[in-house]
Every structure is written in C-alpha cells, then in structure tokens.
Amino acid sequence: MEKLYFKVLARFENEELFPKMVQLAEAAGELNYEKVKNIIHNLKTTGGSVGASHIHYICYYMQAHYVE
C-alpha cells in the first residue's frame, strides 16, 4: 500500500504540482490575481485529496491572504 501511495504522490508532483507552479509564476508575473487565486485553490484541493498536507496548508494560507 505504501508503494501505491508514493506512486500517487509522484504522479501528483509531476502532473499537477510542477505544471501548476509554472502557471502560478506566469500568472503572478502578469499580475493576474484571479488566475493566481484559481491555481492556488486547485492545488489546495488536489493536495488535500492526495494527502500532501503541507501543500494543502500552504495553499490555504495563500488563499486566505488573497481574500484579505
């Protein structure tokens, strides 16, 4: 079971996290804060779903600061 979990995390990292980080940097560079918010929300949700709690909470706090 542990092997499967690490496969899921690796897939999340390669197919979700890395591409979204590139998109996030581009959106921030364009000052497109609505897009930044959407990317962060997506990462928060996906991170929580796969058990990447550090990613989930980082995105949670980034999202909270966006609202403020």
N, C-alpha and C. Protein backbone atom coordinates (compact mmCIF):
# COMPACT_ATOMS: atom_id res chain seq x y z
N MET A 1 0.81 -1.19 0.00
CA MET A 1 0.00 0.00 0.00
C MET A 1 0.86 1.27 0.00
N GLU A 2 1.97 1.21 0.73
CA GLU A 2 2.86 2.37 0.80
C GLU A 2 3.44 2.70 -0.57
N LYS A 3 3.77 1.65 -1.35
CA LYS A 3 4.30 1.87 -2.69
C LYS A 3 3.29 2.61 -3.56
N LEU A 4 2.05 2.22 -3.45
CA LEU A 4 0.99 2.86 -4.22
C LEU A 4 0.85 4.33 -3.83
N TYR A 5 0.91 4.61 -2.55
CA TYR A 5 0.80 5.99 -2.07
C TYR A 5 1.92 6.86 -2.65
N PHE A 6 3.14 6.35 -2.65
CA PHE A 6 4.25 7.13 -3.19
C PHE A 6 4.14 7.30 -4.70
N LYS A 7 3.54 6.32 -5.38
CA LYS A 7 3.29 6.48 -6.81
C LYS A 7 2.28 7.60 -7.06
N VAL A 8 1.25 7.65 -6.23
CA VAL A 8 0.24 8.71 -6.35
C VAL A 8 0.89 10.07 -6.09
N LEU A 9 1.72 10.17 -5.07
CA LEU A 9 2.40 11.43 -4.78
C LEU A 9 3.33 11.85 -5.91
N ALA A 10 4.06 10.90 -6.47
CA ALA A 10 4.95 11.22 -7.59
C ALA A 10 4.16 11.70 -8.79
N ARG A 11 3.03 11.07 -9.03
CA ARG A 11 2.18 11.49 -10.15
C ARG A 11 1.62 12.89 -9.90
N PHE A 12 1.20 13.15 -8.67
CA PHE A 12 0.71 14.48 -8.30
C PHE A 12 1.81 15.52 -8.54
N GLU A 13 3.01 15.19 -8.11
CA GLU A 13 4.12 16.11 -8.24
C GLU A 13 4.41 16.43 -9.72
N ASN A 14 4.48 15.41 -10.54
CA ASN A 14 4.86 15.59 -11.94
C ASN A 14 3.74 16.13 -12.82
N GLU A 15 2.52 15.70 -12.57
CA GLU A 15 1.41 16.06 -13.46
C GLU A 15 0.57 17.23 -12.97
N GLU A 16 0.68 17.54 -11.69
CA GLU A 16 -0.16 18.60 -11.14
C GLU A 16 0.68 19.73 -10.54
N LEU A 17 1.54 19.40 -9.59
CA LEU A 17 2.27 20.41 -8.84
C LEU A 17 3.23 21.23 -9.72
N PHE A 18 4.12 20.57 -10.44
CA PHE A 18 5.11 21.29 -11.24
C PHE A 18 4.46 22.15 -12.32
N PRO A 19 3.52 21.60 -13.11
CA PRO A 19 2.87 22.46 -14.12
C PRO A 19 2.12 23.64 -13.50
N LYS A 20 1.46 23.41 -12.37
CA LYS A 20 0.72 24.50 -11.72
C LYS A 20 1.65 25.56 -11.16
N MET A 21 2.83 25.16 -10.70
CA MET A 21 3.79 26.14 -10.20
C MET A 21 4.26 27.05 -11.33
N VAL A 22 4.46 26.48 -12.53
CA VAL A 22 4.84 27.29 -13.68
C VAL A 22 3.71 28.26 -14.03
N GLN A 23 2.48 27.74 -14.05
CA GLN A 23 1.31 28.59 -14.34
C GLN A 23 1.17 29.69 -13.29
N LEU A 24 1.43 29.35 -12.04
CA LEU A 24 1.33 30.31 -10.94
C LEU A 24 2.35 31.43 -11.11
N ALA A 25 3.58 31.09 -11.46
CA ALA A 25 4.61 32.10 -11.68
C ALA A 25 4.24 33.01 -12.85
N GLU A 26 3.71 32.42 -13.91
CA GLU A 26 3.30 33.23 -15.07
C GLU A 26 2.15 34.17 -14.71
N ALA A 27 1.16 33.65 -14.00
CA ALA A 27 0.01 34.47 -13.61
C ALA A 27 0.43 35.60 -12.67
N ALA A 28 1.33 35.30 -11.74
CA ALA A 28 1.83 36.34 -10.83
C ALA A 28 2.61 37.39 -11.60
N GLY A 29 3.40 36.97 -12.57
CA GLY A 29 4.15 37.91 -13.39
C GLY A 29 3.25 38.82 -14.21
N GLU A 30 2.10 38.30 -14.59
CA GLU A 30 1.11 39.09 -15.34
C GLU A 30 0.20 39.91 -14.43
N LEU A 31 0.39 39.76 -13.12
CA LEU A 31 -0.45 40.40 -12.11
C LEU A 31 -1.92 40.00 -12.27
N ASN A 32 -2.13 38.76 -12.70
CA ASN A 32 -3.48 38.22 -12.88
C ASN A 32 -3.86 37.48 -11.60
N TYR A 33 -4.33 38.25 -10.62
CA TYR A 33 -4.58 37.70 -9.30
C TYR A 33 -5.77 36.75 -9.25
N GLU A 34 -6.71 36.91 -10.14
CA GLU A 34 -7.83 35.97 -10.21
C GLU A 34 -7.32 34.59 -10.64
N LYS A 35 -6.42 34.56 -11.60
CA LYS A 35 -5.84 33.30 -12.05
C LYS A 35 -4.97 32.69 -10.96
N VAL A 36 -4.22 33.53 -10.26
CA VAL A 36 -3.40 33.07 -9.13
C VAL A 36 -4.30 32.39 -8.10
N LYS A 37 -5.39 33.05 -7.77
CA LYS A 37 -6.33 32.50 -6.78
C LYS A 37 -6.87 31.15 -7.22
N ASN A 38 -7.23 31.02 -8.50
CA ASN A 38 -7.79 29.77 -9.00
C ASN A 38 -6.76 28.64 -8.99
N ILE A 39 -5.53 28.95 -9.36
CA ILE A 39 -4.48 27.93 -9.36
C ILE A 39 -4.20 27.46 -7.94
N ILE A 40 -4.12 28.40 -7.01
CA ILE A 40 -3.88 28.05 -5.61
C ILE A 40 -5.02 27.19 -5.07
N HIS A 41 -6.23 27.56 -5.40
CA HIS A 41 -7.39 26.78 -4.93
C HIS A 41 -7.32 25.35 -5.48
N ASN A 42 -6.97 25.21 -6.75
CA ASN A 42 -6.86 23.90 -7.36
C ASN A 42 -5.78 23.06 -6.69
N LEU A 43 -4.64 23.67 -6.43
CA LEU A 43 -3.55 22.95 -5.75
C LEU A 43 -3.94 22.57 -4.33
N LYS A 44 -4.65 23.44 -3.66
CA LYS A 44 -5.09 23.15 -2.29
C LYS A 44 -6.00 21.93 -2.28
N THR A 45 -6.94 21.90 -3.20
CA THR A 45 -7.89 20.80 -3.26
C THR A 45 -7.19 19.49 -3.61
N THR A 46 -6.36 19.52 -4.65
CA THR A 46 -5.68 18.31 -5.08
C THR A 46 -4.68 17.83 -4.03
N GLY A 47 -3.96 18.77 -3.45
CA GLY A 47 -3.01 18.41 -2.39
C GLY A 47 -3.69 17.73 -1.22
N GLY A 48 -4.84 18.25 -0.83
CA GLY A 48 -5.60 17.64 0.25
C GLY A 48 -6.10 16.26 -0.11
N SER A 49 -6.48 16.08 -1.37
CA SER A 49 -7.02 14.80 -1.83
C SER A 49 -5.98 13.69 -1.84
N VAL A 50 -4.73 14.04 -2.12
CA VAL A 50 -3.69 13.01 -2.19
C VAL A 50 -2.89 12.90 -0.90
N GLY A 51 -3.23 13.69 0.09
CA GLY A 51 -2.54 13.62 1.37
C GLY A 51 -1.29 14.46 1.46
N ALA A 52 -1.13 15.40 0.54
CA ALA A 52 0.02 16.31 0.59
C ALA A 52 -0.36 17.50 1.47
N SER A 53 -0.38 17.25 2.77
CA SER A 53 -0.93 18.24 3.71
C SER A 53 -0.12 19.54 3.73
N HIS A 54 1.19 19.48 3.52
CA HIS A 54 1.98 20.72 3.51
C HIS A 54 1.55 21.61 2.36
N ILE A 55 1.36 21.03 1.19
CA ILE A 55 0.90 21.79 0.02
C ILE A 55 -0.49 22.34 0.30
N HIS A 56 -1.35 21.51 0.86
CA HIS A 56 -2.72 21.93 1.16
C HIS A 56 -2.73 23.15 2.08
N TYR A 57 -1.96 23.11 3.15
CA TYR A 57 -1.98 24.22 4.10
C TYR A 57 -1.27 25.46 3.58
N ILE A 58 -0.21 25.28 2.82
CA ILE A 58 0.44 26.44 2.20
C ILE A 58 -0.55 27.17 1.31
N CYS A 59 -1.26 26.40 0.49
CA CYS A 59 -2.26 27.00 -0.41
C CYS A 59 -3.41 27.61 0.37
N TYR A 60 -3.79 26.98 1.47
CA TYR A 60 -4.87 27.53 2.31
C TYR A 60 -4.48 28.93 2.79
N TYR A 61 -3.27 29.07 3.30
CA TYR A 61 -2.84 30.38 3.82
C TYR A 61 -2.65 31.39 2.71
N MET A 62 -2.17 30.94 1.55
CA MET A 62 -2.04 31.87 0.43
C MET A 62 -3.42 32.35 0.00
N GLN A 63 -4.38 31.45 -0.03
CA GLN A 63 -5.75 31.81 -0.40
C GLN A 63 -6.36 32.77 0.63
N ALA A 64 -6.09 32.53 1.89
CA ALA A 64 -6.61 33.42 2.94
C ALA A 64 -6.03 34.82 2.81
N HIS A 65 -4.76 34.92 2.48
CA HIS A 65 -4.13 36.24 2.29
C HIS A 65 -4.68 36.94 1.06
N TYR A 66 -5.05 36.17 0.06
CA TYR A 66 -5.66 36.78 -1.14
C TYR A 66 -6.96 37.47 -0.75
N VAL A 67 -7.75 36.82 0.09
CA VAL A 67 -9.05 37.37 0.50
C VAL A 67 -8.85 38.65 1.29
N GLU A 68 -7.82 38.68 2.14
CA GLU A 68 -7.55 39.88 2.94
C GLU A 68 -7.08 40.99 2.03
